[in-house]
Amino acid sequence: MILYNITINVTPDIEEDFISWMRDTHIPEVLSTGIFSEHKFFRLLHESEDGSTNYCIQYFTNSMEQMMEYEKKHAALLRAKTQERYRDKAVAFRTLLESI
């Protein structure tokens, strides 16, 4: 099992829109690729000095080959949509984890 984890730092002025857009648009688009079998969406519980909030979206897939297929065929377009919508108000950090 491969976990694709995206942590996104979100400024307060877009937070409500960000949550709605993730739930209603972005996450369904990622899942529609057929690469991921499930997902989870979290808010990190911590206080930030600048008032921003961190969110974590986790997508699960069966193999590294499937993850590479996502990167090759889908990732650039889906990332560009988020970047275009939020610019520097939603900054993402991505990691890949393997179940052992």
N, C-alpha and C. Protein backbone atom coordinates (compact mmCIF):
# COMPACT_ATOMS: atom_id res chain seq x y z
N MET A 1 0.85 -1.18 0.00
CA MET A 1 0.00 0.00 0.00
C MET A 1 0.90 1.24 0.00
N ILE A 2 0.57 2.18 -0.86
CA ILE A 2 1.28 3.46 -0.95
C ILE A 2 0.33 4.56 -0.48
N LEU A 3 0.84 5.42 0.38
CA LEU A 3 0.09 6.58 0.86
C LEU A 3 0.71 7.83 0.26
N TYR A 4 -0.11 8.57 -0.46
CA TYR A 4 0.27 9.85 -1.03
C TYR A 4 -0.33 10.91 -0.11
N ASN A 5 0.53 11.62 0.60
CA ASN A 5 0.11 12.57 1.62
C ASN A 5 0.43 13.99 1.16
N ILE A 6 -0.59 14.84 1.15
CA ILE A 6 -0.39 16.24 0.80
C ILE A 6 -0.80 17.07 2.00
N THR A 7 0.15 17.85 2.53
CA THR A 7 -0.13 18.78 3.63
C THR A 7 -0.15 20.17 3.03
N ILE A 8 -1.21 20.92 3.31
CA ILE A 8 -1.39 22.23 2.70
C ILE A 8 -1.60 23.28 3.78
N ASN A 9 -0.77 24.31 3.75
CA ASN A 9 -0.91 25.45 4.66
C ASN A 9 -1.84 26.45 4.00
N VAL A 10 -2.94 26.78 4.69
CA VAL A 10 -4.02 27.58 4.12
C VAL A 10 -4.20 28.87 4.93
N THR A 11 -4.24 30.01 4.25
CA THR A 11 -4.46 31.28 4.93
C THR A 11 -5.93 31.40 5.35
N PRO A 12 -6.20 32.15 6.43
CA PRO A 12 -7.57 32.23 6.95
C PRO A 12 -8.60 32.78 5.96
N ASP A 13 -8.20 33.67 5.07
CA ASP A 13 -9.17 34.30 4.17
C ASP A 13 -9.74 33.37 3.10
N ILE A 14 -9.12 32.22 2.88
CA ILE A 14 -9.64 31.27 1.88
C ILE A 14 -10.09 29.96 2.50
N GLU A 15 -9.99 29.84 3.80
CA GLU A 15 -10.18 28.55 4.46
C GLU A 15 -11.54 27.90 4.16
N GLU A 16 -12.63 28.62 4.30
CA GLU A 16 -13.95 28.04 4.02
C GLU A 16 -14.08 27.59 2.58
N ASP A 17 -13.64 28.44 1.65
CA ASP A 17 -13.69 28.08 0.24
C ASP A 17 -12.81 26.88 -0.05
N PHE A 18 -11.64 26.84 0.56
CA PHE A 18 -10.70 25.74 0.36
C PHE A 18 -11.33 24.41 0.77
N ILE A 19 -11.93 24.36 1.94
CA ILE A 19 -12.54 23.12 2.43
C ILE A 19 -13.65 22.67 1.47
N SER A 20 -14.52 23.59 1.10
CA SER A 20 -15.62 23.25 0.18
C SER A 20 -15.10 22.77 -1.16
N TRP A 21 -14.12 23.50 -1.70
CA TRP A 21 -13.59 23.15 -3.02
C TRP A 21 -12.89 21.79 -2.98
N MET A 22 -12.16 21.52 -1.91
CA MET A 22 -11.51 20.21 -1.78
C MET A 22 -12.54 19.09 -1.75
N ARG A 23 -13.55 19.24 -0.91
CA ARG A 23 -14.57 18.20 -0.76
C ARG A 23 -15.42 18.01 -2.02
N ASP A 24 -15.81 19.12 -2.64
CA ASP A 24 -16.77 19.06 -3.74
C ASP A 24 -16.15 18.92 -5.12
N THR A 25 -14.91 19.38 -5.27
CA THR A 25 -14.30 19.42 -6.61
C THR A 25 -12.98 18.65 -6.68
N HIS A 26 -11.98 19.10 -5.93
CA HIS A 26 -10.63 18.56 -6.13
C HIS A 26 -10.51 17.08 -5.76
N ILE A 27 -10.93 16.72 -4.56
CA ILE A 27 -10.80 15.31 -4.15
C ILE A 27 -11.59 14.40 -5.10
N PRO A 28 -12.83 14.74 -5.46
CA PRO A 28 -13.52 13.88 -6.45
C PRO A 28 -12.78 13.78 -7.79
N GLU A 29 -12.13 14.86 -8.24
CA GLU A 29 -11.36 14.79 -9.49
C GLU A 29 -10.17 13.84 -9.34
N VAL A 30 -9.47 13.90 -8.21
CA VAL A 30 -8.34 13.00 -7.98
C VAL A 30 -8.83 11.55 -7.95
N LEU A 31 -9.92 11.30 -7.24
CA LEU A 31 -10.44 9.94 -7.15
C LEU A 31 -10.96 9.42 -8.48
N SER A 32 -11.44 10.33 -9.34
CA SER A 32 -11.97 9.90 -10.64
C SER A 32 -10.88 9.38 -11.57
N THR A 33 -9.62 9.58 -11.24
CA THR A 33 -8.53 9.02 -12.06
C THR A 33 -8.50 7.50 -11.98
N GLY A 34 -9.11 6.93 -10.93
CA GLY A 34 -9.10 5.49 -10.75
C GLY A 34 -7.83 4.95 -10.13
N ILE A 35 -6.91 5.82 -9.76
CA ILE A 35 -5.62 5.40 -9.20
C ILE A 35 -5.74 5.06 -7.72
N PHE A 36 -6.57 5.80 -7.00
CA PHE A 36 -6.62 5.69 -5.54
C PHE A 36 -7.88 4.96 -5.09
N SER A 37 -7.72 4.10 -4.09
CA SER A 37 -8.84 3.30 -3.59
C SER A 37 -9.62 4.00 -2.48
N GLU A 38 -8.98 4.93 -1.78
CA GLU A 38 -9.66 5.68 -0.72
C GLU A 38 -8.88 6.95 -0.40
N HIS A 39 -9.51 7.79 0.41
CA HIS A 39 -8.85 9.02 0.84
C HIS A 39 -9.30 9.39 2.24
N LYS A 40 -8.55 10.29 2.87
CA LYS A 40 -8.90 10.87 4.15
C LYS A 40 -8.53 12.35 4.10
N PHE A 41 -9.31 13.17 4.79
CA PHE A 41 -9.10 14.62 4.79
C PHE A 41 -9.08 15.08 6.24
N PHE A 42 -7.97 15.68 6.67
CA PHE A 42 -7.77 16.07 8.06
C PHE A 42 -7.40 17.54 8.19
N ARG A 43 -7.72 18.10 9.35
CA ARG A 43 -7.20 19.40 9.77
C ARG A 43 -6.20 19.11 10.88
N LEU A 44 -4.99 19.66 10.78
CA LEU A 44 -4.01 19.48 11.83
C LEU A 44 -4.40 20.32 13.04
N LEU A 45 -4.24 19.75 14.21
CA LEU A 45 -4.62 20.42 15.45
C LEU A 45 -3.38 21.06 16.08
N HIS A 46 -3.16 22.30 15.73
CA HIS A 46 -2.06 23.06 16.31
C HIS A 46 -2.34 24.54 16.11
N GLU A 47 -1.74 25.35 16.91
CA GLU A 47 -1.85 26.80 16.79
C GLU A 47 -0.70 27.31 15.94
N SER A 48 -1.00 28.15 14.96
CA SER A 48 0.07 28.75 14.16
C SER A 48 0.14 30.24 14.49
N GLU A 49 1.32 30.76 14.46
CA GLU A 49 1.52 32.17 14.80
C GLU A 49 0.89 33.11 13.79
N ASP A 50 0.80 32.70 12.54
CA ASP A 50 0.27 33.60 11.51
C ASP A 50 -1.23 33.40 11.25
N GLY A 51 -1.88 32.53 12.01
CA GLY A 51 -3.31 32.32 11.85
C GLY A 51 -3.68 31.32 10.77
N SER A 52 -2.71 30.78 10.06
CA SER A 52 -3.00 29.81 9.00
C SER A 52 -3.34 28.45 9.63
N THR A 53 -3.92 27.59 8.81
CA THR A 53 -4.29 26.24 9.23
C THR A 53 -3.69 25.26 8.24
N ASN A 54 -3.24 24.13 8.75
CA ASN A 54 -2.72 23.08 7.88
C ASN A 54 -3.76 21.98 7.73
N TYR A 55 -3.93 21.54 6.49
CA TYR A 55 -4.82 20.44 6.17
C TYR A 55 -4.00 19.33 5.54
N CYS A 56 -4.46 18.12 5.71
CA CYS A 56 -3.77 16.95 5.17
C CYS A 56 -4.78 16.12 4.40
N ILE A 57 -4.46 15.82 3.16
CA ILE A 57 -5.28 14.92 2.36
C ILE A 57 -4.42 13.69 2.07
N GLN A 58 -4.97 12.53 2.37
CA GLN A 58 -4.24 11.29 2.16
C GLN A 58 -4.99 10.45 1.13
N TYR A 59 -4.24 9.98 0.15
CA TYR A 59 -4.80 9.11 -0.89
C TYR A 59 -4.05 7.78 -0.83
N PHE A 60 -4.77 6.68 -0.97
CA PHE A 60 -4.19 5.35 -0.87
C PHE A 60 -4.29 4.63 -2.21
N THR A 61 -3.16 4.02 -2.61
CA THR A 61 -3.13 3.24 -3.84
C THR A 61 -2.36 1.95 -3.57
N ASN A 62 -2.51 0.97 -4.44
CA ASN A 62 -1.95 -0.35 -4.19
C ASN A 62 -0.47 -0.50 -4.52
N SER A 63 0.05 0.34 -5.41
CA SER A 63 1.44 0.11 -5.83
C SER A 63 2.12 1.41 -6.24
N MET A 64 3.43 1.35 -6.23
CA MET A 64 4.23 2.49 -6.68
C MET A 64 4.02 2.71 -8.18
N GLU A 65 3.76 1.65 -8.93
CA GLU A 65 3.49 1.77 -10.36
C GLU A 65 2.23 2.62 -10.59
N GLN A 66 1.21 2.37 -9.80
CA GLN A 66 -0.01 3.18 -9.93
C GLN A 66 0.26 4.64 -9.56
N MET A 67 1.07 4.84 -8.52
CA MET A 67 1.40 6.21 -8.11
C MET A 67 2.15 6.92 -9.23
N MET A 68 3.07 6.24 -9.87
CA MET A 68 3.83 6.83 -10.97
C MET A 68 2.91 7.13 -12.16
N GLU A 69 1.92 6.28 -12.38
CA GLU A 69 0.93 6.54 -13.43
C GLU A 69 0.18 7.84 -13.13
N TYR A 70 -0.21 8.03 -11.86
CA TYR A 70 -0.89 9.27 -11.46
C TYR A 70 0.01 10.48 -11.73
N GLU A 71 1.26 10.38 -11.31
CA GLU A 71 2.21 11.49 -11.52
C GLU A 71 2.36 11.81 -13.00
N LYS A 72 2.46 10.79 -13.81
CA LYS A 72 2.70 10.97 -15.24
C LYS A 72 1.48 11.51 -15.98
N LYS A 73 0.29 11.00 -15.66
CA LYS A 73 -0.90 11.32 -16.45
C LYS A 73 -1.81 12.40 -15.87
N HIS A 74 -1.80 12.59 -14.54
CA HIS A 74 -2.83 13.42 -13.93
C HIS A 74 -2.34 14.55 -13.02
N ALA A 75 -1.23 14.35 -12.35
CA ALA A 75 -0.83 15.24 -11.27
C ALA A 75 -0.64 16.69 -11.71
N ALA A 76 0.03 16.92 -12.81
CA ALA A 76 0.32 18.29 -13.23
C ALA A 76 -0.94 19.12 -13.43
N LEU A 77 -1.92 18.57 -14.11
CA LEU A 77 -3.16 19.30 -14.37
C LEU A 77 -3.92 19.58 -13.07
N LEU A 78 -4.03 18.58 -12.21
CA LEU A 78 -4.77 18.76 -10.96
C LEU A 78 -4.07 19.75 -10.02
N ARG A 79 -2.76 19.69 -9.97
CA ARG A 79 -2.01 20.67 -9.16
C ARG A 79 -2.16 22.07 -9.71
N ALA A 80 -2.15 22.19 -11.02
CA ALA A 80 -2.28 23.52 -11.65
C ALA A 80 -3.62 24.16 -11.32
N LYS A 81 -4.68 23.36 -11.26
CA LYS A 81 -6.00 23.90 -10.91
C LYS A 81 -5.99 24.49 -9.50
N THR A 82 -5.37 23.78 -8.57
CA THR A 82 -5.29 24.29 -7.20
C THR A 82 -4.43 25.53 -7.14
N GLN A 83 -3.30 25.51 -7.82
CA GLN A 83 -2.39 26.66 -7.84
C GLN A 83 -3.06 27.89 -8.45
N GLU A 84 -3.79 27.68 -9.53
CA GLU A 84 -4.47 28.78 -10.19
C GLU A 84 -5.55 29.39 -9.29
N ARG A 85 -6.24 28.54 -8.56
CA ARG A 85 -7.34 29.00 -7.71
C ARG A 85 -6.83 29.75 -6.47
N TYR A 86 -5.74 29.26 -5.85
CA TYR A 86 -5.32 29.79 -4.55
C TYR A 86 -3.95 30.47 -4.51
N ARG A 87 -3.18 30.33 -5.57
CA ARG A 87 -1.85 30.95 -5.63
C ARG A 87 -1.04 30.62 -4.37
N ASP A 88 -0.50 31.66 -3.71
CA ASP A 88 0.35 31.45 -2.53
C ASP A 88 -0.46 31.40 -1.23
N LYS A 89 -1.76 31.32 -1.32
CA LYS A 89 -2.61 31.24 -0.12
C LYS A 89 -2.84 29.80 0.33
N ALA A 90 -2.40 28.84 -0.48
CA ALA A 90 -2.46 27.42 -0.14
C ALA A 90 -1.17 26.77 -0.65
N VAL A 91 -0.24 26.55 0.26
CA VAL A 91 1.07 26.03 -0.10
C VAL A 91 1.16 24.56 0.31
N ALA A 92 1.47 23.70 -0.66
CA ALA A 92 1.44 22.25 -0.44
C ALA A 92 2.84 21.67 -0.27
N PHE A 93 2.89 20.63 0.54
CA PHE A 93 4.08 19.81 0.76
C PHE A 93 3.65 18.35 0.59
N ARG A 94 4.29 17.62 -0.31
CA ARG A 94 3.87 16.25 -0.63
C ARG A 94 4.90 15.22 -0.18
N THR A 95 4.38 14.08 0.31
CA THR A 95 5.24 12.95 0.68
C THR A 95 4.59 11.65 0.22
N LEU A 96 5.43 10.67 -0.04
CA LEU A 96 4.98 9.31 -0.36
C LEU A 96 5.44 8.39 0.78
N LEU A 97 4.54 7.54 1.23
CA LEU A 97 4.86 6.59 2.29
C LEU A 97 4.46 5.20 1.83
N GLU A 98 5.24 4.21 2.26
CA GLU A 98 4.96 2.82 1.91
C GLU A 98 4.61 2.04 3.17
N SER A 99 3.53 1.29 3.13
CA SER A 99 3.14 0.44 4.25
C SER A 99 4.13 -0.71 4.37
N ILE A 100 4.56 -0.98 5.59
CA ILE A 100 5.49 -2.10 5.81
C ILE A 100 4.94 -3.10 6.82
